[in-house]
N, C-alpha and C. Protein backbone atom coordinates (compact mmCIF):
# COMPACT_ATOMS: atom_id res chain seq x y z
N UNK A 1 0.84 -1.18 0.00
CA UNK A 1 0.00 0.00 0.00
C UNK A 1 0.89 1.24 0.00
N UNK A 2 0.59 2.25 -0.85
CA UNK A 2 1.40 3.45 -0.94
C UNK A 2 0.97 4.45 0.12
N UNK A 3 1.96 5.23 0.55
CA UNK A 3 1.70 6.27 1.53
C UNK A 3 1.25 7.53 0.79
N UNK A 4 0.19 8.17 1.25
CA UNK A 4 -0.32 9.35 0.57
C UNK A 4 0.60 10.56 0.69
N UNK A 5 1.49 10.57 1.65
CA UNK A 5 2.40 11.69 1.83
C UNK A 5 3.43 11.76 0.72
N UNK A 6 3.60 10.70 -0.06
CA UNK A 6 4.54 10.73 -1.18
C UNK A 6 4.07 11.67 -2.28
N UNK A 7 2.81 12.04 -2.29
CA UNK A 7 2.25 12.92 -3.32
C UNK A 7 2.33 14.39 -2.93
N UNK A 8 2.81 14.73 -1.77
CA UNK A 8 2.85 16.11 -1.29
C UNK A 8 3.69 17.05 -2.16
N UNK A 9 4.87 16.67 -2.67
CA UNK A 9 5.64 17.61 -3.47
C UNK A 9 4.90 18.11 -4.70
N UNK A 10 4.04 17.30 -5.30
CA UNK A 10 3.27 17.75 -6.45
C UNK A 10 2.27 18.84 -6.05
N UNK A 11 1.78 18.79 -4.82
CA UNK A 11 0.81 19.78 -4.35
C UNK A 11 1.46 21.14 -4.16
N UNK A 12 2.76 21.21 -3.87
CA UNK A 12 3.45 22.48 -3.65
C UNK A 12 3.67 23.25 -4.95
N UNK A 13 3.77 22.56 -6.05
CA UNK A 13 4.11 23.20 -7.31
C UNK A 13 3.13 24.30 -7.72
N UNK A 14 1.82 24.09 -7.68
CA UNK A 14 0.91 25.18 -8.07
C UNK A 14 1.01 26.39 -7.17
N UNK A 15 1.26 26.20 -5.89
CA UNK A 15 1.38 27.33 -4.98
C UNK A 15 2.56 28.21 -5.36
N UNK A 16 3.68 27.58 -5.67
CA UNK A 16 4.87 28.35 -6.05
C UNK A 16 4.64 29.08 -7.36
N UNK A 17 3.92 28.47 -8.27
CA UNK A 17 3.63 29.12 -9.54
C UNK A 17 2.75 30.35 -9.33
N UNK A 18 1.78 30.26 -8.43
CA UNK A 18 0.91 31.40 -8.17
C UNK A 18 1.69 32.53 -7.53
N UNK A 19 2.58 32.23 -6.61
CA UNK A 19 3.38 33.28 -5.97
C UNK A 19 4.28 33.97 -6.98
N UNK A 20 4.86 33.21 -7.89
CA UNK A 20 5.73 33.81 -8.89
C UNK A 20 4.93 34.74 -9.80
N UNK A 21 3.71 34.37 -10.13
CA UNK A 21 2.87 35.22 -10.97
C UNK A 21 2.54 36.53 -10.29
N UNK A 22 2.29 36.47 -9.00
CA UNK A 22 1.98 37.68 -8.24
C UNK A 22 3.18 38.61 -8.20
N UNK A 23 4.36 38.06 -7.96
CA UNK A 23 5.56 38.88 -7.88
C UNK A 23 5.86 39.56 -9.21
N UNK A 24 5.70 38.85 -10.30
CA UNK A 24 5.99 39.45 -11.60
C UNK A 24 4.99 40.55 -11.93
N UNK A 25 3.74 40.39 -11.49
CA UNK A 25 2.74 41.42 -11.73
C UNK A 25 3.10 42.70 -10.98
N UNK A 26 3.58 42.55 -9.74
CA UNK A 26 3.96 43.71 -8.95
C UNK A 26 5.16 44.43 -9.55
N UNK A 27 6.12 43.68 -10.08
CA UNK A 27 7.33 44.29 -10.61
C UNK A 27 7.08 45.01 -11.93
N UNK A 28 6.00 44.66 -12.64
CA UNK A 28 5.73 45.33 -13.91
C UNK A 28 5.02 46.66 -13.72
N UNK A 29 4.56 46.95 -12.52
CA UNK A 29 3.92 48.24 -12.25
C UNK A 29 4.99 49.31 -12.12
N UNK A 30 5.47 49.82 -13.23
CA UNK A 30 6.53 50.82 -13.22
C UNK A 30 5.92 52.22 -13.09
N UNK A 31 6.62 53.08 -12.36
CA UNK A 31 6.16 54.46 -12.23
C UNK A 31 6.70 55.28 -13.39
N UNK A 32 6.05 56.39 -13.66
CA UNK A 32 6.50 57.28 -14.72
C UNK A 32 7.84 57.89 -14.33
N UNK A 33 8.71 58.16 -15.29
CA UNK A 33 9.99 58.77 -14.95
C UNK A 33 9.82 60.22 -14.50
N UNK A 34 10.66 60.62 -13.57
CA UNK A 34 10.63 61.99 -13.06
C UNK A 34 11.48 62.84 -13.99
N UNK A 35 10.86 63.85 -14.62
CA UNK A 35 11.58 64.71 -15.55
C UNK A 35 11.78 66.12 -14.98
N UNK A 36 10.95 66.52 -14.03
CA UNK A 36 11.05 67.85 -13.43
C UNK A 36 12.12 67.83 -12.34
N UNK A 37 13.05 68.79 -12.33
CA UNK A 37 14.11 68.78 -11.32
C UNK A 37 13.62 69.11 -9.91
N UNK A 38 12.42 69.62 -9.77
CA UNK A 38 11.86 69.96 -8.46
C UNK A 38 10.70 69.03 -8.13
N UNK A 39 10.56 68.71 -6.85
CA UNK A 39 9.46 67.89 -6.36
C UNK A 39 8.59 68.73 -5.44
N UNK A 40 7.31 68.42 -5.40
CA UNK A 40 6.39 69.11 -4.50
C UNK A 40 6.26 68.28 -3.23
N UNK A 41 6.53 68.91 -2.09
CA UNK A 41 6.46 68.24 -0.80
C UNK A 41 5.25 68.78 -0.04
N UNK A 42 4.41 67.88 0.48
CA UNK A 42 3.25 68.28 1.27
C UNK A 42 3.40 67.65 2.65
N UNK A 43 3.49 68.50 3.69
CA UNK A 43 3.63 68.02 5.06
C UNK A 43 3.00 69.02 6.02
N UNK A 44 2.26 68.52 6.97
CA UNK A 44 1.62 69.32 8.01
C UNK A 44 0.89 70.55 7.45
N UNK A 45 0.16 70.38 6.37
CA UNK A 45 -0.62 71.46 5.78
C UNK A 45 0.19 72.45 4.96
N UNK A 46 1.49 72.22 4.82
CA UNK A 46 2.35 73.11 4.04
C UNK A 46 2.75 72.42 2.75
N UNK A 47 2.95 73.22 1.71
CA UNK A 47 3.41 72.71 0.43
C UNK A 47 4.60 73.56 -0.02
N UNK A 48 5.68 72.88 -0.41
CA UNK A 48 6.87 73.59 -0.87
C UNK A 48 7.62 72.73 -1.87
N UNK A 49 8.58 73.36 -2.56
CA UNK A 49 9.39 72.69 -3.57
C UNK A 49 10.74 72.26 -2.98
N UNK A 50 11.22 71.13 -3.46
CA UNK A 50 12.51 70.59 -3.03
C UNK A 50 13.12 69.86 -4.23
N UNK A 51 14.45 69.78 -4.28
CA UNK A 51 15.09 69.05 -5.38
C UNK A 51 14.56 67.62 -5.44
N UNK A 52 14.22 67.17 -6.63
CA UNK A 52 13.65 65.84 -6.81
C UNK A 52 14.63 64.74 -6.38
N UNK A 53 15.93 64.98 -6.54
CA UNK A 53 16.92 63.98 -6.14
C UNK A 53 16.88 63.73 -4.63
N UNK A 54 16.61 64.77 -3.86
CA UNK A 54 16.53 64.62 -2.40
C UNK A 54 15.24 63.95 -1.96
N UNK A 55 14.21 64.03 -2.77
CA UNK A 55 12.90 63.52 -2.39
C UNK A 55 12.63 62.09 -2.85
N UNK A 56 13.55 61.47 -3.56
CA UNK A 56 13.29 60.15 -4.12
C UNK A 56 13.45 59.02 -3.12
N UNK A 57 14.23 59.20 -2.07
CA UNK A 57 14.44 58.14 -1.08
C UNK A 57 13.99 58.60 0.30
N UNK A 58 13.36 57.70 1.05
CA UNK A 58 12.87 58.04 2.38
C UNK A 58 13.98 58.50 3.31
N UNK A 59 15.09 57.78 3.31
CA UNK A 59 16.19 58.10 4.22
C UNK A 59 16.74 59.51 3.98
N UNK A 60 16.98 59.85 2.73
CA UNK A 60 17.51 61.17 2.39
C UNK A 60 16.50 62.26 2.74
N UNK A 61 15.25 62.02 2.42
CA UNK A 61 14.20 63.00 2.71
C UNK A 61 14.07 63.25 4.21
N UNK A 62 14.16 62.20 5.00
CA UNK A 62 14.07 62.35 6.46
C UNK A 62 15.25 63.14 7.01
N UNK A 63 16.44 62.91 6.48
CA UNK A 63 17.62 63.65 6.95
C UNK A 63 17.48 65.13 6.63
N UNK A 64 16.98 65.43 5.43
CA UNK A 64 16.84 66.83 5.00
C UNK A 64 15.76 67.56 5.81
N UNK A 65 14.64 66.90 6.07
CA UNK A 65 13.51 67.58 6.71
C UNK A 65 13.47 67.46 8.24
N UNK A 66 14.27 66.58 8.82
CA UNK A 66 14.26 66.36 10.27
C UNK A 66 14.45 67.64 11.09
N UNK A 67 15.37 68.54 10.75
CA UNK A 67 15.53 69.76 11.56
C UNK A 67 14.29 70.67 11.55
N UNK A 68 13.47 70.56 10.53
CA UNK A 68 12.31 71.43 10.40
C UNK A 68 11.01 70.77 10.84
N UNK A 69 10.93 69.45 10.67
CA UNK A 69 9.72 68.70 11.00
C UNK A 69 10.13 67.45 11.79
N UNK A 70 10.06 67.53 13.11
CA UNK A 70 10.47 66.40 13.95
C UNK A 70 9.55 65.19 13.76
N UNK A 71 8.33 65.43 13.33
CA UNK A 71 7.35 64.34 13.18
C UNK A 71 7.65 63.43 11.98
N UNK A 72 8.61 63.80 11.14
CA UNK A 72 8.89 63.00 9.94
C UNK A 72 9.56 61.66 10.27
N UNK A 73 10.14 61.53 11.44
CA UNK A 73 10.85 60.30 11.80
C UNK A 73 9.95 59.07 11.69
N UNK A 74 8.71 59.16 12.13
CA UNK A 74 7.79 58.02 12.08
C UNK A 74 6.62 58.25 11.12
N UNK A 75 6.80 59.10 10.14
CA UNK A 75 5.72 59.48 9.23
C UNK A 75 5.55 58.48 8.09
N UNK A 76 4.35 58.47 7.51
CA UNK A 76 4.08 57.70 6.30
C UNK A 76 4.39 58.59 5.11
N UNK A 77 5.24 58.10 4.21
CA UNK A 77 5.66 58.88 3.04
C UNK A 77 5.13 58.19 1.78
N UNK A 78 4.37 58.93 0.98
CA UNK A 78 3.87 58.39 -0.28
C UNK A 78 4.32 59.29 -1.42
N UNK A 79 4.62 58.66 -2.55
CA UNK A 79 5.09 59.39 -3.72
C UNK A 79 4.17 59.13 -4.90
N UNK A 80 4.05 60.16 -5.74
CA UNK A 80 3.24 60.05 -6.95
C UNK A 80 3.91 60.88 -8.03
N UNK A 81 4.00 60.33 -9.23
CA UNK A 81 4.57 61.06 -10.35
C UNK A 81 3.44 61.37 -11.31
N UNK A 82 3.24 62.66 -11.58
CA UNK A 82 2.19 63.08 -12.51
C UNK A 82 2.79 64.08 -13.48
N UNK A 83 2.70 63.78 -14.74
CA UNK A 83 3.26 64.63 -15.80
C UNK A 83 4.75 64.90 -15.59
N UNK A 84 5.49 63.90 -15.10
CA UNK A 84 6.93 64.04 -14.90
C UNK A 84 7.34 64.76 -13.65
N UNK A 85 6.39 65.17 -12.81
CA UNK A 85 6.71 65.89 -11.58
C UNK A 85 6.42 65.00 -10.39
N UNK A 86 7.39 64.89 -9.50
CA UNK A 86 7.27 64.07 -8.30
C UNK A 86 6.53 64.84 -7.22
N UNK A 87 5.53 64.20 -6.65
CA UNK A 87 4.77 64.79 -5.55
C UNK A 87 4.88 63.86 -4.35
N UNK A 88 5.36 64.38 -3.22
CA UNK A 88 5.56 63.58 -2.02
C UNK A 88 4.62 64.08 -0.93
N UNK A 89 3.83 63.16 -0.38
CA UNK A 89 2.92 63.50 0.71
C UNK A 89 3.41 62.81 1.97
N UNK A 90 3.57 63.58 3.04
CA UNK A 90 4.08 63.05 4.30
C UNK A 90 2.99 63.25 5.36
N UNK A 91 2.57 62.14 5.97
CA UNK A 91 1.54 62.19 7.00
C UNK A 91 2.13 61.60 8.27
N UNK A 92 2.12 62.39 9.35
CA UNK A 92 2.71 61.89 10.58
C UNK A 92 1.83 60.81 11.19
N UNK A 93 2.49 59.83 11.80
CA UNK A 93 1.83 58.71 12.44
C UNK A 93 1.70 58.98 13.93
N UNK A 94 0.62 58.53 14.52
CA UNK A 94 0.45 58.68 15.96
C UNK A 94 1.48 57.80 16.67
N UNK A 95 2.09 58.35 17.70
CA UNK A 95 3.10 57.61 18.45
C UNK A 95 2.53 57.16 19.78
N UNK A 96 3.13 56.13 20.33
CA UNK A 96 2.73 55.67 21.66
C UNK A 96 3.20 56.68 22.69
N UNK A 97 2.42 56.83 23.73
CA UNK A 97 2.75 57.79 24.78
C UNK A 97 3.88 57.28 25.68
N UNK A 98 4.10 56.01 25.65
CA UNK A 98 5.16 55.44 26.50
C UNK A 98 4.69 54.16 27.15
N UNK A 99 5.55 53.58 27.92
CA UNK A 99 5.24 52.33 28.58
C UNK A 99 4.81 52.61 30.01
N UNK A 100 3.66 52.12 30.39
CA UNK A 100 3.17 52.31 31.75
C UNK A 100 3.29 51.00 32.51
N UNK A 101 4.24 50.94 33.41
CA UNK A 101 4.43 49.72 34.22
C UNK A 101 3.44 49.73 35.37
N UNK A 102 2.82 48.60 35.59
CA UNK A 102 1.84 48.51 36.69
C UNK A 102 2.22 47.46 37.65
């Protein structure tokens, strides 16, 4: 009598194929190229222009804006390219008040 567990490797194959299809779909969603040298930054109700090169990465953007906006450290940063112009929206996240030991 054959053991049914010998058929398990065949069952894994479709799952791996589905995951690969999902990953390739995500990687094909390319954003439009940034052609404008300035980016529009929106944070705390203010809108201003900044060099697009500084606004393309979260780490660089946080270093540049940290002295002016302390809330950027834990903020949600979203980017959108429209007509070749980069638009960055920064929304601060609520922080925990601290740990209360009881």
